[in-house]
Amino acid sequence: HQFGKGKVYYLGCDLDEKAMKNLAAYLGKCTGIKMLPYEIEGVEAVTAEDGEREALFLMNHLDQPAVVAVCGEYTEMLSGENGSGTVCLAPFGVAVLELT
């Protein structure tokens, strides 16, 4: 429902953890709130900014590759490569993304 300049969402049920994360991601996308990638056990996501740019650090603590969903386009700051949609992390790999 519209309320002033914003919206209010009412949730009339108890969601499990996965459904709650999906709802949070959906609401973030609808409202334009930047959300961290979906949580993957063993993959850490941390944001940092210097006042001019914001970076998303992705760290794979697993001994196997991990594919992380990323909203929108990005530049991988270590390699300079551009991408969108997903990031493939090598075992124990790191990516530093500037989201565009």
PDB file of N, CA and C in Angstrom:
ATOM      1  N   HIS A   1       0.839  -1.180   0.000  1.00  0.00           N
ATOM      2  CA  HIS A   1       0.000   0.000   0.000  1.00  0.00           C
ATOM      3  C   HIS A   1       0.880   1.237   0.000  1.00  0.00           C
ATOM      4  N   GLN A   2       0.420   2.262  -0.723  1.00  0.00           N
ATOM      5  CA  GLN A   2       1.112   3.540  -0.701  1.00  0.00           C
ATOM      6  C   GLN A   2       0.916   4.181   0.669  1.00  0.00           C
ATOM      7  N   PHE A   3       1.975   4.777   1.200  1.00  0.00           N
ATOM      8  CA  PHE A   3       1.890   5.510   2.458  1.00  0.00           C
ATOM      9  C   PHE A   3       2.810   6.710   2.330  1.00  0.00           C
ATOM     10  N   GLY A   4       2.243   7.890   2.238  1.00  0.00           N
ATOM     11  CA  GLY A   4       3.059   9.080   2.013  1.00  0.00           C
ATOM     12  C   GLY A   4       3.804   8.941   0.702  1.00  0.00           C
ATOM     13  N   LYS A   5       5.113   9.117   0.752  1.00  0.00           N
ATOM     14  CA  LYS A   5       5.938   8.994  -0.450  1.00  0.00           C
ATOM     15  C   LYS A   5       6.482   7.578  -0.628  1.00  0.00           C
ATOM     16  N   GLY A   6       6.101   6.680   0.266  1.00  0.00           N
ATOM     17  CA  GLY A   6       6.635   5.321   0.196  1.00  0.00           C
ATOM     18  C   GLY A   6       5.565   4.270   0.076  1.00  0.00           C
ATOM     19  N   LYS A   7       5.976   3.045   0.317  1.00  0.00           N
ATOM     20  CA  LYS A   7       5.063   1.903   0.284  1.00  0.00           C
ATOM     21  C   LYS A   7       5.227   1.107   1.563  1.00  0.00           C
ATOM     22  N   VAL A   8       4.173   0.447   1.934  1.00  0.00           N
ATOM     23  CA  VAL A   8       4.181  -0.438   3.098  1.00  0.00           C
ATOM     24  C   VAL A   8       3.804  -1.832   2.622  1.00  0.00           C
ATOM     25  N   TYR A   9       4.555  -2.826   3.034  1.00  0.00           N
ATOM     26  CA  TYR A   9       4.255  -4.217   2.704  1.00  0.00           C
ATOM     27  C   TYR A   9       3.840  -4.935   3.974  1.00  0.00           C
ATOM     28  N   TYR A  10       2.766  -5.677   3.886  1.00  0.00           N
ATOM     29  CA  TYR A  10       2.281  -6.472   5.010  1.00  0.00           C
ATOM     30  C   TYR A  10       2.513  -7.936   4.691  1.00  0.00           C
ATOM     31  N   LEU A  11       3.051  -8.670   5.630  1.00  0.00           N
ATOM     32  CA  LEU A  11       3.305 -10.099   5.454  1.00  0.00           C
ATOM     33  C   LEU A  11       2.499 -10.832   6.516  1.00  0.00           C
ATOM     34  N   GLY A  12       1.533 -11.629   6.070  1.00  0.00           N
ATOM     35  CA  GLY A  12       0.630 -12.303   7.000  1.00  0.00           C
ATOM     36  C   GLY A  12       0.898 -13.781   7.131  1.00  0.00           C
ATOM     37  N   CYS A  13       2.188 -14.167   7.104  1.00  0.00           N
ATOM     38  CA  CYS A  13       2.516 -15.579   7.263  1.00  0.00           C
ATOM     39  C   CYS A  13       3.944 -15.704   7.784  1.00  0.00           C
ATOM     40  N   ASP A  14       4.323 -16.898   8.148  1.00  0.00           N
ATOM     41  CA  ASP A  14       5.663 -17.187   8.646  1.00  0.00           C
ATOM     42  C   ASP A  14       6.434 -17.885   7.519  1.00  0.00           C
ATOM     43  N   LEU A  15       7.472 -17.249   7.025  1.00  0.00           N
ATOM     44  CA  LEU A  15       8.250 -17.810   5.930  1.00  0.00           C
ATOM     45  C   LEU A  15       9.491 -18.523   6.453  1.00  0.00           C
ATOM     46  N   ASP A  16       9.903 -19.563   5.727  1.00  0.00           N
ATOM     47  CA  ASP A  16      11.164 -20.197   6.091  1.00  0.00           C
ATOM     48  C   ASP A  16      12.310 -19.287   5.649  1.00  0.00           C
ATOM     49  N   GLU A  17      13.534 -19.632   6.007  1.00  0.00           N
ATOM     50  CA  GLU A  17      14.681 -18.770   5.748  1.00  0.00           C
ATOM     51  C   GLU A  17      14.876 -18.479   4.260  1.00  0.00           C
ATOM     52  N   LYS A  18      14.737 -19.489   3.423  1.00  0.00           N
ATOM     53  CA  LYS A  18      14.929 -19.306   1.982  1.00  0.00           C
ATOM     54  C   LYS A  18      13.883 -18.361   1.416  1.00  0.00           C
ATOM     55  N   ALA A  19      12.631 -18.550   1.782  1.00  0.00           N
ATOM     56  CA  ALA A  19      11.565 -17.689   1.284  1.00  0.00           C
ATOM     57  C   ALA A  19      11.747 -16.254   1.773  1.00  0.00           C
ATOM     58  N   MET A  20      12.198 -16.077   3.005  1.00  0.00           N
ATOM     59  CA  MET A  20      12.432 -14.741   3.542  1.00  0.00           C
ATOM     60  C   MET A  20      13.549 -14.034   2.771  1.00  0.00           C
ATOM     61  N   LYS A  21      14.612 -14.756   2.427  1.00  0.00           N
ATOM     62  CA  LYS A  21      15.706 -14.170   1.647  1.00  0.00           C
ATOM     63  C   LYS A  21      15.221 -13.796   0.254  1.00  0.00           C
ATOM     64  N   ASN A  22      14.404 -14.643  -0.350  1.00  0.00           N
ATOM     65  CA  ASN A  22      13.852 -14.330  -1.671  1.00  0.00           C
ATOM     66  C   ASN A  22      12.961 -13.095  -1.613  1.00  0.00           C
ATOM     67  N   LEU A  23      12.147 -12.991  -0.567  1.00  0.00           N
ATOM     68  CA  LEU A  23      11.284 -11.825  -0.401  1.00  0.00           C
ATOM     69  C   LEU A  23      12.128 -10.567  -0.215  1.00  0.00           C
ATOM     70  N   ALA A  24      13.165 -10.629   0.597  1.00  0.00           N
ATOM     71  CA  ALA A  24      14.033  -9.474   0.818  1.00  0.00           C
ATOM     72  C   ALA A  24      14.703  -9.042  -0.490  1.00  0.00           C
ATOM     73  N   ALA A  25      15.164 -10.012  -1.278  1.00  0.00           N
ATOM     74  CA  ALA A  25      15.794  -9.690  -2.561  1.00  0.00           C
ATOM     75  C   ALA A  25      14.784  -9.039  -3.504  1.00  0.00           C
ATOM     76  N   TYR A  26      13.576  -9.571  -3.537  1.00  0.00           N
ATOM     77  CA  TYR A  26      12.515  -9.012  -4.387  1.00  0.00           C
ATOM     78  C   TYR A  26      12.199  -7.572  -3.981  1.00  0.00           C
ATOM     79  N   LEU A  27      12.014  -7.341  -2.687  1.00  0.00           N
ATOM     80  CA  LEU A  27      11.676  -6.004  -2.213  1.00  0.00           C
ATOM     81  C   LEU A  27      12.830  -5.035  -2.462  1.00  0.00           C
ATOM     82  N   GLY A  28      14.056  -5.503  -2.293  1.00  0.00           N
ATOM     83  CA  GLY A  28      15.214  -4.661  -2.582  1.00  0.00           C
ATOM     84  C   GLY A  28      15.244  -4.244  -4.034  1.00  0.00           C
ATOM     85  N   LYS A  29      14.965  -5.187  -4.924  1.00  0.00           N
ATOM     86  CA  LYS A  29      14.954  -4.883  -6.358  1.00  0.00           C
ATOM     87  C   LYS A  29      13.832  -3.905  -6.680  1.00  0.00           C
ATOM     88  N   CYS A  30      12.650  -4.113  -6.111  1.00  0.00           N
ATOM     89  CA  CYS A  30      11.502  -3.241  -6.383  1.00  0.00           C
ATOM     90  C   CYS A  30      11.744  -1.818  -5.889  1.00  0.00           C
ATOM     91  N   THR A  31      12.470  -1.665  -4.817  1.00  0.00           N
ATOM     92  CA  THR A  31      12.664  -0.344  -4.219  1.00  0.00           C
ATOM     93  C   THR A  31      13.988   0.301  -4.609  1.00  0.00           C
ATOM     94  N   GLY A  32      14.820  -0.430  -5.356  1.00  0.00           N
ATOM     95  CA  GLY A  32      16.103   0.128  -5.768  1.00  0.00           C
ATOM     96  C   GLY A  32      17.167   0.088  -4.687  1.00  0.00           C
ATOM     97  N   ILE A  33      16.939  -0.687  -3.637  1.00  0.00           N
ATOM     98  CA  ILE A  33      17.933  -0.827  -2.569  1.00  0.00           C
ATOM     99  C   ILE A  33      18.974  -1.839  -3.011  1.00  0.00           C
ATOM    100  N   LYS A  34      20.242  -1.441  -2.932  1.00  0.00           N
ATOM    101  CA  LYS A  34      21.304  -2.370  -3.310  1.00  0.00           C
ATOM    102  C   LYS A  34      21.346  -3.509  -2.304  1.00  0.00           C
ATOM    103  N   MET A  35      21.348  -4.716  -2.818  1.00  0.00           N
ATOM    104  CA  MET A  35      21.372  -5.908  -1.966  1.00  0.00           C
ATOM    105  C   MET A  35      22.643  -6.689  -2.256  1.00  0.00           C
ATOM    106  N   LEU A  36      23.190  -7.309  -1.238  1.00  0.00           N
ATOM    107  CA  LEU A  36      24.308  -8.214  -1.448  1.00  0.00           C
ATOM    108  C   LEU A  36      23.806  -9.440  -2.193  1.00  0.00           C
ATOM    109  N   PRO A  37      24.705 -10.156  -2.861  1.00  0.00           N
ATOM    110  CA  PRO A  37      24.269 -11.371  -3.571  1.00  0.00           C
ATOM    111  C   PRO A  37      23.626 -12.367  -2.603  1.00  0.00           C
ATOM    112  N   TYR A  38      22.828 -13.276  -3.189  1.00  0.00           N
ATOM    113  CA  TYR A  38      22.253 -14.326  -2.372  1.00  0.00           C
ATOM    114  C   TYR A  38      23.355 -15.014  -1.595  1.00  0.00           C
ATOM    115  N   GLU A  39      23.071 -15.336  -0.373  1.00  0.00           N
ATOM    116  CA  GLU A  39      24.066 -15.969   0.486  1.00  0.00           C
ATOM    117  C   GLU A  39      24.372 -17.378   0.003  1.00  0.00           C
ATOM    118  N   ILE A  40      25.639 -17.658  -0.143  1.00  0.00           N
ATOM    119  CA  ILE A  40      26.108 -18.997  -0.482  1.00  0.00           C
ATOM    120  C   ILE A  40      27.034 -19.417   0.640  1.00  0.00           C
ATOM    121  N   GLU A  41      26.736 -20.529   1.253  1.00  0.00           N
ATOM    122  CA  GLU A  41      27.570 -20.985   2.355  1.00  0.00           C
ATOM    123  C   GLU A  41      29.005 -21.149   1.870  1.00  0.00           C
ATOM    124  N   GLY A  42      29.942 -20.509   2.566  1.00  0.00           N
ATOM    125  CA  GLY A  42      31.347 -20.580   2.197  1.00  0.00           C
ATOM    126  C   GLY A  42      31.812 -19.426   1.328  1.00  0.00           C
ATOM    127  N   VAL A  43      30.881 -18.560   0.890  1.00  0.00           N
ATOM    128  CA  VAL A  43      31.243 -17.385   0.094  1.00  0.00           C
ATOM    129  C   VAL A  43      30.878 -16.146   0.905  1.00  0.00           C
ATOM    130  N   GLU A  44      31.854 -15.277   1.088  1.00  0.00           N
ATOM    131  CA  GLU A  44      31.667 -14.065   1.875  1.00  0.00           C
ATOM    132  C   GLU A  44      31.507 -12.874   0.936  1.00  0.00           C
ATOM    133  N   ALA A  45      30.554 -11.992   1.219  1.00  0.00           N
ATOM    134  CA  ALA A  45      30.328 -10.773   0.440  1.00  0.00           C
ATOM    135  C   ALA A  45      30.389  -9.578   1.380  1.00  0.00           C
ATOM    136  N   VAL A  46      31.247  -8.604   1.034  1.00  0.00           N
ATOM    137  CA  VAL A  46      31.434  -7.420   1.872  1.00  0.00           C
ATOM    138  C   VAL A  46      31.490  -6.200   0.963  1.00  0.00           C
ATOM    139  N   THR A  47      30.812  -5.126   1.362  1.00  0.00           N
ATOM    140  CA  THR A  47      30.885  -3.890   0.588  1.00  0.00           C
ATOM    141  C   THR A  47      31.819  -2.906   1.284  1.00  0.00           C
ATOM    142  N   ALA A  48      32.431  -2.026   0.490  1.00  0.00           N
ATOM    143  CA  ALA A  48      33.300  -0.968   1.004  1.00  0.00           C
ATOM    144  C   ALA A  48      33.204   0.212   0.047  1.00  0.00           C
ATOM    145  N   GLU A  49      33.397   1.410   0.576  1.00  0.00           N
ATOM    146  CA  GLU A  49      33.379   2.587  -0.288  1.00  0.00           C
ATOM    147  C   GLU A  49      34.393   3.596   0.207  1.00  0.00           C
ATOM    148  N   ASP A  50      34.851   4.438  -0.724  1.00  0.00           N
ATOM    149  CA  ASP A  50      35.849   5.458  -0.389  1.00  0.00           C
ATOM    150  C   ASP A  50      35.307   6.869  -0.559  1.00  0.00           C
ATOM    151  N   GLY A  51      34.003   7.013  -0.683  1.00  0.00           N
ATOM    152  CA  GLY A  51      33.391   8.310  -0.896  1.00  0.00           C
ATOM    153  C   GLY A  51      33.119   8.597  -2.364  1.00  0.00           C
ATOM    154  N   GLU A  52      33.828   7.925  -3.249  1.00  0.00           N
ATOM    155  CA  GLU A  52      33.633   8.104  -4.683  1.00  0.00           C
ATOM    156  C   GLU A  52      33.086   6.849  -5.346  1.00  0.00           C
ATOM    157  N   ARG A  53      33.607   5.707  -4.937  1.00  0.00           N
ATOM    158  CA  ARG A  53      33.211   4.438  -5.550  1.00  0.00           C
ATOM    159  C   ARG A  53      32.846   3.436  -4.462  1.00  0.00           C
ATOM    160  N   GLU A  54      31.980   2.496  -4.858  1.00  0.00           N
ATOM    161  CA  GLU A  54      31.599   1.407  -3.954  1.00  0.00           C
ATOM    162  C   GLU A  54      32.072   0.101  -4.569  1.00  0.00           C
ATOM    163  N   ALA A  55      32.654  -0.736  -3.745  1.00  0.00           N
ATOM    164  CA  ALA A  55      33.160  -2.027  -4.219  1.00  0.00           C
ATOM    165  C   ALA A  55      32.472  -3.155  -3.464  1.00  0.00           C
ATOM    166  N   LEU A  56      32.292  -4.262  -4.167  1.00  0.00           N
ATOM    167  CA  LEU A  56      31.756  -5.485  -3.570  1.00  0.00           C
ATOM    168  C   LEU A  56      32.871  -6.520  -3.603  1.00  0.00           C
ATOM    169  N   PHE A  57      33.326  -6.944  -2.438  1.00  0.00           N
ATOM    170  CA  PHE A  57      34.357  -7.971  -2.321  1.00  0.00           C
ATOM    171  C   PHE A  57      33.667  -9.315  -2.180  1.00  0.00           C
ATOM    172  N   LEU A  58      34.012 -10.266  -3.026  1.00  0.00           N
ATOM    173  CA  LEU A  58      33.503 -11.628  -2.947  1.00  0.00           C
ATOM    174  C   LEU A  58      34.679 -12.552  -2.685  1.00  0.00           C
ATOM    175  N   MET A  59      34.586 -13.345  -1.621  1.00  0.00           N
ATOM    176  CA  MET A  59      35.677 -14.238  -1.231  1.00  0.00           C
ATOM    177  C   MET A  59      35.149 -15.656  -1.101  1.00  0.00           C
ATOM    178  N   ASN A  60      35.715 -16.555  -1.863  1.00  0.00           N
ATOM    179  CA  ASN A  60      35.302 -17.955  -1.841  1.00  0.00           C
ATOM    180  C   ASN A  60      36.208 -18.708  -0.866  1.00  0.00           C
ATOM    181  N   HIS A  61      35.639 -19.146   0.243  1.00  0.00           N
ATOM    182  CA  HIS A  61      36.395 -19.894   1.250  1.00  0.00           C
ATOM    183  C   HIS A  61      36.308 -21.399   1.006  1.00  0.00           C
ATOM    184  N   LEU A  62      35.748 -21.791  -0.123  1.00  0.00           N
ATOM    185  CA  LEU A  62      35.544 -23.206  -0.440  1.00  0.00           C
ATOM    186  C   LEU A  62      36.679 -23.751  -1.293  1.00  0.00           C
ATOM    187  N   ASP A  63      36.861 -25.062  -1.264  1.00  0.00           N
ATOM    188  CA  ASP A  63      37.877 -25.701  -2.106  1.00  0.00           C
ATOM    189  C   ASP A  63      37.297 -26.124  -3.457  1.00  0.00           C
ATOM    190  N   GLN A  64      36.185 -25.506  -3.831  1.00  0.00           N
ATOM    191  CA  GLN A  64      35.544 -25.764  -5.122  1.00  0.00           C
ATOM    192  C   GLN A  64      35.054 -24.433  -5.690  1.00  0.00           C
ATOM    193  N   PRO A  65      34.865 -24.345  -7.013  1.00  0.00           N
ATOM    194  CA  PRO A  65      34.380 -23.092  -7.606  1.00  0.00           C
ATOM    195  C   PRO A  65      32.991 -22.737  -7.093  1.00  0.00           C
ATOM    196  N   ALA A  66      32.672 -21.455  -7.139  1.00  0.00           N
ATOM    197  CA  ALA A  66      31.348 -20.967  -6.744  1.00  0.00           C
ATOM    198  C   ALA A  66      30.876 -19.946  -7.771  1.00  0.00           C
ATOM    199  N   VAL A  67      29.612 -20.017  -8.135  1.00  0.00           N
ATOM    200  CA  VAL A  67      29.005 -19.045  -9.043  1.00  0.00           C
ATOM    201  C   VAL A  67      28.073 -18.174  -8.207  1.00  0.00           C
ATOM    202  N   VAL A  68      28.305 -16.861  -8.239  1.00  0.00           N
ATOM    203  CA  VAL A  68      27.554 -15.913  -7.425  1.00  0.00           C
ATOM    204  C   VAL A  68      26.712 -15.031  -8.337  1.00  0.00           C
ATOM    205  N   ALA A  69      25.411 -14.934  -8.052  1.00  0.00           N
ATOM    206  CA  ALA A  69      24.526 -14.052  -8.813  1.00  0.00           C
ATOM    207  C   ALA A  69      24.781 -12.604  -8.406  1.00  0.00           C
ATOM    208  N   VAL A  70      24.891 -11.731  -9.398  1.00  0.00           N
ATOM    209  CA  VAL A  70      25.118 -10.310  -9.163  1.00  0.00           C
ATOM    210  C   VAL A  70      24.077  -9.540  -9.964  1.00  0.00           C
ATOM    211  N   CYS A  71      23.407  -8.587  -9.327  1.00  0.00           N
ATOM    212  CA  CYS A  71      22.426  -7.763 -10.025  1.00  0.00           C
ATOM    213  C   CYS A  71      23.152  -6.714 -10.857  1.00  0.00           C
ATOM    214  N   GLY A  72      22.842  -6.667 -12.120  1.00  0.00           N
ATOM    215  CA  GLY A  72      23.381  -5.631 -12.985  1.00  0.00           C
ATOM    216  C   GLY A  72      24.759  -5.927 -13.532  1.00  0.00           C
ATOM    217  N   GLU A  73      25.356  -4.881 -14.091  1.00  0.00           N
ATOM    218  CA  GLU A  73      26.675  -4.986 -14.705  1.00  0.00           C
ATOM    219  C   GLU A  73      27.745  -4.577 -13.704  1.00  0.00           C
ATOM    220  N   TYR A  74      28.965  -5.023 -13.946  1.00  0.00           N
ATOM    221  CA  TYR A  74      30.064  -4.716 -13.042  1.00  0.00           C
ATOM    222  C   TYR A  74      31.384  -4.698 -13.800  1.00  0.00           C
ATOM    223  N   THR A  75      32.382  -4.087 -13.165  1.00  0.00           N
ATOM    224  CA  THR A  75      33.769  -4.182 -13.604  1.00  0.00           C
ATOM    225  C   THR A  75      34.524  -4.875 -12.493  1.00  0.00           C
ATOM    226  N   GLU A  76      35.219  -5.941 -12.820  1.00  0.00           N
ATOM    227  CA  GLU A  76      36.050  -6.648 -11.847  1.00  0.00           C
ATOM    228  C   GLU A  76      37.316  -5.813 -11.707  1.00  0.00           C
ATOM    229  N   MET A  77      37.533  -5.228 -10.535  1.00  0.00           N
ATOM    230  CA  MET A  77      38.562  -4.222 -10.349  1.00  0.00           C
ATOM    231  C   MET A  77      39.988  -4.776 -10.371  1.00  0.00           C
ATOM    232  N   LEU A  78      40.176  -6.057 -10.112  1.00  0.00           N
ATOM    233  CA  LEU A  78      41.520  -6.638 -10.135  1.00  0.00           C
ATOM    234  C   LEU A  78      41.985  -6.931 -11.560  1.00  0.00           C
ATOM    235  N   SER A  79      41.059  -7.391 -12.399  1.00  0.00           N
ATOM    236  CA  SER A  79      41.417  -7.762 -13.769  1.00  0.00           C
ATOM    237  C   SER A  79      41.011  -6.709 -14.802  1.00  0.00           C
ATOM    238  N   GLY A  80      40.058  -5.826 -14.446  1.00  0.00           N
ATOM    239  CA  GLY A  80      39.554  -4.834 -15.380  1.00  0.00           C
ATOM    240  C   GLY A  80      38.482  -5.366 -16.315  1.00  0.00           C
ATOM    241  N   GLU A  81      38.119  -6.646 -16.172  1.00  0.00           N
ATOM    242  CA  GLU A  81      37.111  -7.251 -17.043  1.00  0.00           C
ATOM    243  C   GLU A  81      35.712  -6.804 -16.642  1.00  0.00           C
ATOM    244  N   ASN A  82      34.837  -6.672 -17.647  1.00  0.00           N
ATOM    245  CA  ASN A  82      33.435  -6.317 -17.420  1.00  0.00           C
ATOM    246  C   ASN A  82      32.584  -7.578 -17.461  1.00  0.00           C
ATOM    247  N   GLY A  83      31.486  -7.563 -16.728  1.00  0.00           N
ATOM    248  CA  GLY A  83      30.575  -8.694 -16.733  1.00  0.00           C
ATOM    249  C   GLY A  83      29.204  -8.283 -16.258  1.00  0.00           C
ATOM    250  N   SER A  84      28.289  -9.255 -16.230  1.00  0.00           N
ATOM    251  CA  SER A  84      26.946  -9.010 -15.709  1.00  0.00           C
ATOM    252  C   SER A  84      26.314 -10.337 -15.332  1.00  0.00           C
ATOM    253  N   GLY A  85      25.419 -10.274 -14.364  1.00  0.00           N
ATOM    254  CA  GLY A  85      24.617 -11.444 -14.002  1.00  0.00           C
ATOM    255  C   GLY A  85      25.244 -12.391 -13.015  1.00  0.00           C
ATOM    256  N   THR A  86      26.451 -12.861 -13.288  1.00  0.00           N
ATOM    257  CA  THR A  86      27.107 -13.814 -12.381  1.00  0.00           C
ATOM    258  C   THR A  86      28.609 -13.563 -12.346  1.00  0.00           C
ATOM    259  N   VAL A  87      29.216 -14.031 -11.279  1.00  0.00           N
ATOM    260  CA  VAL A  87      30.672 -14.027 -11.133  1.00  0.00           C
ATOM    261  C   VAL A  87      31.079 -15.443 -10.784  1.00  0.00           C
ATOM    262  N   CYS A  88      32.058 -15.966 -11.486  1.00  0.00           N
ATOM    263  CA  CYS A  88      32.589 -17.299 -11.178  1.00  0.00           C
ATOM    264  C   CYS A  88      33.844 -17.135 -10.349  1.00  0.00           C
ATOM    265  N   LEU A  89      33.817 -17.670  -9.141  1.00  0.00           N
ATOM    266  CA  LEU A  89      34.960 -17.599  -8.245  1.00  0.00           C
ATOM    267  C   LEU A  89      35.685 -18.938  -8.228  1.00  0.00           C
ATOM    268  N   ALA A  90      36.990 -18.907  -8.423  1.00  0.00           N
ATOM    269  CA  ALA A  90      37.803 -20.115  -8.337  1.00  0.00           C
ATOM    270  C   ALA A  90      37.839 -20.585  -6.883  1.00  0.00           C
ATOM    271  N   PRO A  91      38.238 -21.842  -6.654  1.00  0.00           N
ATOM    272  CA  PRO A  91      38.413 -22.281  -5.266  1.00  0.00           C
ATOM    273  C   PRO A  91      39.344 -21.307  -4.526  1.00  0.00           C
ATOM    274  N   PHE A  92      38.920 -20.833  -3.371  1.00  0.00           N
ATOM    275  CA  PHE A  92      39.648 -19.867  -2.550  1.00  0.00           C
ATOM    276  C   PHE A  92      39.917 -18.568  -3.306  1.00  0.00           C
ATOM    277  N   GLY A  93      39.087 -18.279  -4.322  1.00  0.00           N
ATOM    278  CA  GLY A  93      39.274 -17.086  -5.150  1.00  0.00           C
ATOM    279  C   GLY A  93      38.618 -15.853  -4.573  1.00  0.00           C
ATOM    280  N   VAL A  94      39.026 -14.713  -5.125  1.00  0.00           N
ATOM    281  CA  VAL A  94      38.526 -13.407  -4.698  1.00  0.00           C
ATOM    282  C   VAL A  94      38.171 -12.600  -5.930  1.00  0.00           C
ATOM    283  N   ALA A  95      37.088 -11.815  -5.844  1.00  0.00           N
ATOM    284  CA  ALA A  95      36.732 -10.851  -6.876  1.00  0.00           C
ATOM    285  C   ALA A  95      36.373  -9.543  -6.175  1.00  0.00           C
ATOM    286  N   VAL A  96      36.782  -8.440  -6.785  1.00  0.00           N
ATOM    287  CA  VAL A  96      36.430  -7.121  -6.279  1.00  0.00           C
ATOM    288  C   VAL A  96      35.671  -6.425  -7.395  1.00  0.00           C
ATOM    289  N   LEU A  97      34.392  -6.171  -7.161  1.00  0.00           N
ATOM    290  CA  LEU A  97      33.522  -5.646  -8.210  1.00  0.00           C
ATOM    291  C   LEU A  97      33.131  -4.210  -7.952  1.00  0.00           C
ATOM    292  N   GLU A  98      33.166  -3.415  -9.015  1.00  0.00           N
ATOM    293  CA  GLU A  98      32.562  -2.103  -8.995  1.00  0.00           C
ATOM    294  C   GLU A  98      31.269  -2.233  -9.773  1.00  0.00           C
ATOM    295  N   LEU A  99      30.145  -2.079  -9.094  1.00  0.00           N
ATOM    296  CA  LEU A  99      28.837  -2.229  -9.730  1.00  0.00           C
ATOM    297  C   LEU A  99      28.487  -0.974 -10.481  1.00  0.00           C
ATOM    298  N   THR A 100      27.938  -1.160 -11.692  1.00  0.00           N
ATOM    299  CA  THR A 100      27.569  -0.001 -12.507  1.00  0.00           C
ATOM    300  C   THR A 100      26.087   0.030 -12.750  1.00  0.00           C
TER     301      THR A 100
END
